[in-house]
Amino acid sequence: MTLFCYGNGSGEPPPDLEIVATPRRLSPRTLRAGPSPGKPLADAMLAQRLVATSGRSGSFDAVLAHNGEAALTALLVRPLLRSPVVYVAHTLLRNELDAYVPRPLAGVTRRFGDAVDRGVAARANGVIALCMDAARSLGRYAGGPVEVIPPGLDPRAAPSDEEIAAACLRAGVERDAFVLYTGNVDRYQDLDALVEAARLAPELPIVVATHGERSLPGDSVRCVRTTPDEARALTHACRVAVAPRARAGGFPVKLLNYMEAGRAIVARHGIADTLVHGRSAWLIRLEAPASELATALRMLTADADLAARLGAGARRALETRHDWPSLARRTLDFVASLRAAA
């Protein structure tokens, strides 16, 4: 297996994974989601390296292209690869792309995102969607089969009590007595609803643990810059974990982290197919206002037994619906079916 990626990032790859990266000097300087000036050049370099590597080693069984720009890059050089291209759709661009432009341009950007969604799905040999919403949307104009395969996570040992205590001290909260959001604060996360819910429920300590460069306006939530390990420790320490995102079409990976920690989750219907209201999460309507979000956070913060039951259900959902061995097998079977049909 070979991974083609930009020449930056962190961590050590598995020893059996070949990495082909763009030169660091030609890679985007930020790892933030969304468009950036450095990506077109880096994508062109990825295309060149994909073709060159394929020429040396023979055609790949398939190219799994994650997100729209990677799929466009792979489709551009597909005639030179002799390999099927599978579009792994992490999101619907029509629902997300407008988060990166000024609001007056939102309508034009949504139409552009929709055109990319349609074009990539129509030209790819197959589509892997992370949720049913994306599968239904892309399936209307897909040129090949569409399969729903959610992301996975291998559970790890919980952080130590010392690590959790240190993270809580730094964030200024007490263990099992606060609401947590982890991740970036870009507009597509719909954190305006969380800020408003915090204003409506000022008695709730609400922490936003982010690695990003920006913070949220106002002082109704507490923004804390964290490392991944600190964010994980806070996730294991909170009473309730929240994902206010209302843009359907993907599967927020932060939900897997919440599930691993066995936390009570508040999210919206249609955002995570594998979570069930009242059993493994508390799900509010996709279009629910901030007041409904505030009510859910208040209820779970006050009801320790319900929070514990939902947290246990979330952990079971992770173990039964997001285990990597079964997800990998489904992915390989899907690729094999595309090669057999070629």
Protein backbone atom coordinates (compact mmCIF):
# COMPACT_ATOMS: atom_id res chain seq x y z
CA MET A 1 0.00 0.00 0.00
CA THR A 2 1.27 3.46 -0.92
CA LEU A 3 0.15 6.78 0.55
CA PHE A 4 0.52 9.93 -1.57
CA CYS A 5 0.40 13.07 0.56
CA TYR A 6 1.75 16.56 1.12
CA GLY A 7 5.25 16.81 2.55
CA ASN A 8 4.27 17.93 6.02
CA GLY A 9 2.40 16.55 9.01
CA SER A 10 3.42 14.78 12.18
CA GLY A 11 3.78 11.31 13.65
CA GLU A 12 5.35 8.12 12.38
CA PRO A 13 3.63 6.05 9.66
CA PRO A 14 3.20 2.27 9.99
CA PRO A 15 6.35 0.42 8.84
CA ASP A 16 4.50 -1.41 6.04
CA LEU A 17 3.13 1.80 4.48
CA GLU A 18 5.12 3.40 1.67
CA ILE A 19 4.97 7.21 1.79
CA VAL A 20 5.34 9.31 -1.35
CA ALA A 21 5.20 12.98 -0.38
CA THR A 22 5.50 16.27 -2.19
CA PRO A 23 8.62 18.29 -1.32
CA ARG A 24 8.08 20.23 1.88
CA ARG A 25 8.94 23.52 0.17
CA LEU A 26 6.12 22.93 -2.35
CA SER A 27 3.55 21.78 0.21
CA PRO A 28 0.86 23.96 1.83
CA ARG A 29 2.16 25.60 4.97
CA THR A 30 -1.02 24.98 6.91
CA LEU A 31 -2.89 21.75 7.63
CA ARG A 32 -6.20 23.56 8.05
CA ALA A 33 -9.16 22.33 6.06
CA GLY A 34 -10.33 24.22 3.01
CA PRO A 35 -8.69 25.97 0.06
CA SER A 36 -5.23 27.50 0.34
CA PRO A 37 -2.89 29.13 -2.21
CA GLY A 38 -0.32 26.35 -1.98
CA LYS A 39 -2.62 23.43 -2.73
CA PRO A 40 -2.90 23.62 -6.56
CA LEU A 41 0.86 23.35 -6.99
CA ALA A 42 1.07 20.56 -4.41
CA ASP A 43 -1.80 18.72 -6.12
CA ALA A 44 0.00 18.95 -9.48
CA MET A 45 3.11 17.51 -7.84
CA LEU A 46 1.01 14.69 -6.32
CA ALA A 47 -0.36 13.88 -9.78
CA GLN A 48 3.16 13.73 -11.21
CA ARG A 49 4.38 11.43 -8.44
CA LEU A 50 1.31 9.23 -8.72
CA VAL A 51 1.92 8.70 -12.43
CA ALA A 52 5.68 8.19 -11.98
CA THR A 53 5.25 5.65 -9.17
CA SER A 54 2.59 3.78 -11.10
CA GLY A 55 4.90 3.61 -14.11
CA ARG A 56 7.73 2.13 -12.05
CA SER A 57 5.74 -0.39 -10.03
CA GLY A 58 2.90 -1.24 -12.40
CA SER A 59 -0.70 -0.18 -12.10
CA PHE A 60 -2.25 0.05 -8.65
CA ASP A 61 -5.25 -2.12 -7.80
CA ALA A 62 -7.12 1.15 -7.22
CA VAL A 63 -6.58 4.76 -6.25
CA LEU A 64 -8.58 5.75 -3.17
CA ALA A 65 -8.82 9.52 -3.51
CA HIS A 66 -9.83 11.25 -0.31
CA ASN A 67 -11.84 14.46 -0.69
CA GLY A 68 -12.76 16.36 -3.83
CA GLU A 69 -9.41 17.85 -4.80
CA ALA A 70 -7.59 14.51 -4.51
CA ALA A 71 -10.29 12.89 -6.64
CA LEU A 72 -10.02 15.62 -9.27
CA THR A 73 -6.24 15.15 -9.29
CA ALA A 74 -6.50 11.37 -9.71
CA LEU A 75 -9.19 11.61 -12.39
CA LEU A 76 -7.04 14.04 -14.36
CA VAL A 77 -4.28 11.44 -14.75
CA ARG A 78 -6.43 8.29 -14.72
CA PRO A 79 -5.73 7.51 -18.41
CA LEU A 80 -2.05 7.19 -17.49
CA LEU A 81 -2.68 5.02 -14.41
CA ARG A 82 -4.83 2.18 -15.78
CA SER A 83 -6.37 1.91 -12.30
CA PRO A 84 -9.93 2.56 -11.09
CA VAL A 85 -10.37 5.77 -9.10
CA VAL A 86 -12.53 5.55 -5.99
CA TYR A 87 -13.83 8.85 -4.66
CA VAL A 88 -13.78 8.71 -0.84
CA ALA A 89 -16.24 11.52 -0.08
CA HIS A 90 -15.54 12.93 3.37
CA THR A 91 -18.15 15.65 2.90
CA LEU A 92 -20.52 17.23 0.41
CA LEU A 93 -18.71 20.27 -0.94
CA ARG A 94 -21.98 22.08 -1.59
CA ASN A 95 -22.61 22.01 2.17
CA GLU A 96 -19.13 22.98 3.29
CA LEU A 97 -17.23 25.04 0.74
CA ASP A 98 -19.05 28.30 1.54
CA ALA A 99 -17.54 28.17 5.05
CA TYR A 100 -14.23 29.37 3.60
CA VAL A 101 -15.43 32.45 1.70
CA PRO A 102 -17.11 35.75 2.69
CA ARG A 103 -20.85 35.30 3.25
CA PRO A 104 -21.89 37.33 0.16
CA LEU A 105 -20.17 34.68 -1.98
CA ALA A 106 -21.89 31.75 -0.24
CA GLY A 107 -24.52 31.12 -2.93
CA VAL A 108 -22.01 31.05 -5.79
CA THR A 109 -19.66 28.85 -3.77
CA ARG A 110 -22.42 26.35 -2.93
CA ARG A 111 -23.28 26.04 -6.62
CA PHE A 112 -19.62 25.51 -7.46
CA GLY A 113 -19.33 22.87 -4.71
CA ASP A 114 -22.41 21.10 -6.03
CA ALA A 115 -20.91 21.05 -9.53
CA VAL A 116 -17.71 19.47 -8.17
CA ASP A 117 -19.74 16.90 -6.19
CA ARG A 118 -21.67 15.94 -9.30
CA GLY A 119 -18.70 15.92 -11.66
CA VAL A 120 -16.42 13.84 -9.46
CA ALA A 121 -19.13 11.30 -8.58
CA ALA A 122 -20.13 10.95 -12.23
CA ARG A 123 -16.57 10.30 -13.42
CA ALA A 124 -15.20 8.15 -10.60
CA ASN A 125 -15.33 4.36 -10.96
CA GLY A 126 -16.97 4.15 -7.54
CA VAL A 127 -17.77 6.23 -4.49
CA ILE A 128 -17.23 5.49 -0.81
CA ALA A 129 -19.44 7.75 1.30
CA LEU A 130 -19.04 8.12 5.06
CA CYS A 131 -22.78 8.41 5.71
CA MET A 132 -26.16 7.72 4.11
CA ASP A 133 -26.86 11.39 3.44
CA ALA A 134 -23.81 11.65 1.17
CA ALA A 135 -24.60 8.30 -0.46
CA ARG A 136 -28.13 9.41 -1.32
CA SER A 137 -26.93 12.72 -2.70
CA LEU A 138 -23.99 11.42 -4.73
CA GLY A 139 -25.84 8.28 -5.81
CA ARG A 140 -28.23 10.32 -7.93
CA TYR A 141 -25.52 11.07 -10.47
CA ALA A 142 -22.72 8.62 -9.68
CA GLY A 143 -21.21 6.84 -12.67
CA GLY A 144 -20.41 3.73 -10.63
CA PRO A 145 -21.56 1.97 -7.44
CA VAL A 146 -21.78 3.83 -4.12
CA GLU A 147 -20.90 2.18 -0.80
CA VAL A 148 -21.37 3.60 2.70
CA ILE A 149 -18.31 2.86 4.89
CA PRO A 150 -17.91 5.03 8.00
CA PRO A 151 -14.49 5.84 9.46
CA GLY A 152 -12.96 3.67 12.16
CA LEU A 153 -10.90 4.03 15.30
CA ASP A 154 -8.76 1.59 17.26
CA PRO A 155 -9.46 2.20 20.97
CA ARG A 156 -6.44 2.91 23.12
CA ALA A 157 -5.89 2.83 26.86
CA ALA A 158 -7.44 5.79 28.64
CA PRO A 159 -5.19 8.66 29.76
CA SER A 160 -3.89 8.36 33.31
CA ASP A 161 -5.56 10.16 36.20
CA GLU A 162 -2.51 12.42 36.35
CA GLU A 163 -2.84 13.38 32.68
CA ILE A 164 -6.54 14.06 33.10
CA ALA A 165 -5.99 16.14 36.23
CA ALA A 166 -3.29 18.21 34.51
CA ALA A 167 -5.51 18.87 31.47
CA CYS A 168 -8.45 19.89 33.68
CA LEU A 169 -6.24 22.20 35.72
CA ARG A 170 -4.96 23.92 32.60
CA ALA A 171 -8.51 24.31 31.24
CA GLY A 172 -9.82 25.52 34.59
CA VAL A 173 -12.53 22.87 34.94
CA GLU A 174 -13.40 20.00 37.26
CA ARG A 175 -13.55 16.42 36.08
CA ASP A 176 -17.02 15.18 35.08
CA ALA A 177 -18.47 18.68 35.46
CA PHE A 178 -18.16 20.37 32.07
CA VAL A 179 -19.25 20.22 28.42
CA LEU A 180 -16.54 19.77 25.77
CA TYR A 181 -16.11 20.44 22.08
CA THR A 182 -12.81 19.40 20.46
CA GLY A 183 -11.45 20.28 17.04
CA ASN A 184 -11.07 23.25 14.75
CA VAL A 185 -13.30 26.32 14.94
CA ASP A 186 -13.87 26.82 11.22
CA ARG A 187 -17.31 28.00 10.21
CA TYR A 188 -18.47 24.64 8.83
CA GLN A 189 -18.47 23.29 12.40
CA ASP A 190 -21.48 25.56 13.15
CA LEU A 191 -20.06 26.67 16.46
CA ASP A 192 -22.25 29.79 16.44
CA ALA A 193 -24.97 27.53 17.80
CA LEU A 194 -22.72 26.39 20.64
CA VAL A 195 -21.76 29.96 21.51
CA GLU A 196 -25.45 30.92 21.63
CA ALA A 197 -26.32 27.81 23.68
CA ALA A 198 -23.61 28.80 26.16
CA ARG A 199 -25.14 32.27 26.41
CA LEU A 200 -28.55 30.73 27.10
CA ALA A 201 -27.11 28.35 29.72
CA PRO A 202 -24.42 30.44 31.47
CA GLU A 203 -24.29 28.03 34.40
CA LEU A 204 -22.71 25.34 32.19
CA PRO A 205 -18.91 25.31 31.91
CA ILE A 206 -18.37 24.81 28.15
CA VAL A 207 -14.84 24.26 26.91
CA VAL A 208 -13.65 24.39 23.31
CA ALA A 209 -10.34 22.51 23.03
CA THR A 210 -8.77 23.48 19.73
CA HIS A 211 -5.47 23.14 17.93
CA GLY A 212 -6.42 25.91 15.53
CA GLU A 213 -5.08 29.40 15.18
CA ARG A 214 -8.41 31.17 15.75
CA SER A 215 -10.74 31.37 18.74
CA LEU A 216 -14.44 32.03 19.12
CA PRO A 217 -15.90 35.48 19.70
CA GLY A 218 -17.22 36.47 23.11
CA ASP A 219 -16.61 34.89 26.48
CA SER A 220 -19.56 32.49 26.83
CA VAL A 221 -17.32 29.51 26.03
CA ARG A 222 -13.77 28.88 27.20
CA CYS A 223 -11.32 28.38 24.31
CA VAL A 224 -8.22 26.39 25.26
CA ARG A 225 -5.28 25.69 22.92
CA THR A 226 -4.39 22.03 23.36
CA THR A 227 -2.15 19.31 22.05
CA PRO A 228 -3.87 16.15 20.78
CA ASP A 229 -2.98 14.37 24.04
CA GLU A 230 -4.45 17.19 26.15
CA ALA A 231 -7.63 17.20 24.06
CA ARG A 232 -7.95 13.44 24.51
CA ALA A 233 -7.49 13.79 28.28
CA LEU A 234 -10.23 16.43 28.40
CA THR A 235 -12.50 14.17 26.35
CA HIS A 236 -12.13 11.45 28.97
CA ALA A 237 -12.80 14.00 31.72
CA CYS A 238 -15.95 15.77 30.48
CA ARG A 239 -19.54 14.95 31.40
CA VAL A 240 -20.94 15.73 27.94
CA ALA A 241 -19.23 15.97 24.52
CA VAL A 242 -20.92 18.07 21.85
CA ALA A 243 -20.78 18.33 18.05
CA PRO A 244 -23.08 21.16 16.91
CA ARG A 245 -22.34 20.69 13.21
CA ALA A 246 -25.45 20.95 11.03
CA ARG A 247 -23.85 20.49 7.60
CA ALA A 248 -24.73 16.94 6.61
CA GLY A 249 -22.67 14.79 4.28
CA GLY A 250 -19.75 13.55 6.37
CA PHE A 251 -18.91 11.83 9.64
CA PRO A 252 -17.05 14.08 12.13
CA VAL A 253 -14.04 12.13 13.39
CA LYS A 254 -14.36 13.90 16.75
CA LEU A 255 -17.43 11.74 17.36
CA LEU A 256 -15.20 8.65 17.26
CA ASN A 257 -12.99 10.23 19.92
CA TYR A 258 -16.05 10.96 22.06
CA MET A 259 -17.24 7.38 21.58
CA GLU A 260 -13.84 5.95 22.51
CA ALA A 261 -13.97 7.90 25.79
CA GLY A 262 -17.49 6.66 26.53
CA ARG A 263 -18.90 10.17 26.81
CA ALA A 264 -22.52 11.22 26.50
CA ILE A 265 -22.75 12.85 23.06
CA VAL A 266 -25.03 15.64 21.91
CA ALA A 267 -25.17 15.91 18.12
CA ARG A 268 -27.71 16.39 15.33
CA HIS A 269 -29.75 13.80 13.46
CA GLY A 270 -28.20 12.96 10.11
CA ILE A 271 -24.64 13.74 11.15
CA ALA A 272 -23.68 10.30 12.47
CA ASP A 273 -25.59 7.29 11.12
CA THR A 274 -24.23 4.88 13.72
CA LEU A 275 -25.52 6.85 16.73
CA VAL A 276 -29.06 6.18 17.94
CA HIS A 277 -31.07 8.74 19.89
CA GLY A 278 -31.58 7.73 23.50
CA ARG A 279 -29.29 4.74 23.18
CA SER A 280 -25.83 5.93 22.17
CA ALA A 281 -26.30 9.72 21.94
CA TRP A 282 -28.80 12.53 22.45
CA LEU A 283 -29.68 13.71 18.96
CA ILE A 284 -31.44 16.99 18.27
CA ARG A 285 -33.06 18.01 14.99
CA LEU A 286 -30.72 18.97 12.16
CA GLU A 287 -32.35 22.41 12.02
CA ALA A 288 -32.78 22.76 15.81
CA PRO A 289 -32.05 26.24 17.22
CA ALA A 290 -29.46 26.96 19.88
CA SER A 291 -32.14 26.84 22.57
CA GLU A 292 -32.74 23.14 21.84
CA LEU A 293 -29.01 22.50 22.01
CA ALA A 294 -28.82 24.31 25.37
CA THR A 295 -31.70 22.21 26.73
CA ALA A 296 -29.96 18.96 25.76
CA LEU A 297 -26.67 20.04 27.33
CA ARG A 298 -28.43 21.10 30.54
CA MET A 299 -30.34 17.82 30.79
CA LEU A 300 -27.31 15.56 30.35
CA THR A 301 -25.13 17.64 32.63
CA ALA A 302 -27.75 17.31 35.37
CA ASP A 303 -28.58 13.61 34.84
CA ALA A 304 -25.44 11.59 35.59
CA ASP A 305 -27.19 8.23 35.12
CA LEU A 306 -28.50 9.11 31.67
CA ALA A 307 -25.12 10.51 30.67
CA ALA A 308 -23.42 7.30 31.80
CA ARG A 309 -25.88 5.10 29.86
CA LEU A 310 -25.45 7.10 26.67
CA GLY A 311 -21.68 7.07 27.09
CA ALA A 312 -21.65 3.29 27.46
CA GLY A 313 -23.88 2.99 24.38
CA ALA A 314 -21.53 5.25 22.42
CA ARG A 315 -18.58 3.04 23.30
CA ARG A 316 -20.49 -0.06 22.17
CA ALA A 317 -21.32 1.65 18.87
CA LEU A 318 -17.63 2.34 18.32
CA GLU A 319 -16.67 -1.27 18.98
CA THR A 320 -19.39 -2.77 16.80
CA ARG A 321 -19.72 -0.27 13.92
CA HIS A 322 -16.29 1.34 13.62
CA ASP A 323 -13.79 -1.50 14.04
CA TRP A 324 -11.03 -1.28 11.45
CA PRO A 325 -10.77 -4.98 10.48
CA SER A 326 -14.37 -5.15 9.24
CA LEU A 327 -14.19 -1.70 7.62
CA ALA A 328 -10.95 -2.64 5.84
CA ARG A 329 -12.49 -5.86 4.57
CA ARG A 330 -15.52 -3.99 3.23
CA THR A 331 -13.24 -1.48 1.50
CA LEU A 332 -11.14 -4.21 -0.12
CA ASP A 333 -14.26 -6.09 -1.22
CA PHE A 334 -15.59 -2.91 -2.80
CA VAL A 335 -12.32 -2.32 -4.66
CA ALA A 336 -12.31 -5.94 -5.85
CA SER A 337 -15.84 -5.55 -7.21
CA LEU A 338 -14.78 -2.48 -9.20
CA ARG A 339 -11.79 -4.29 -10.69
CA ALA A 340 -13.97 -7.26 -11.62
CA ALA A 341 -16.41 -4.95 -13.39
CA ALA A 342 -13.65 -3.11 -15.30
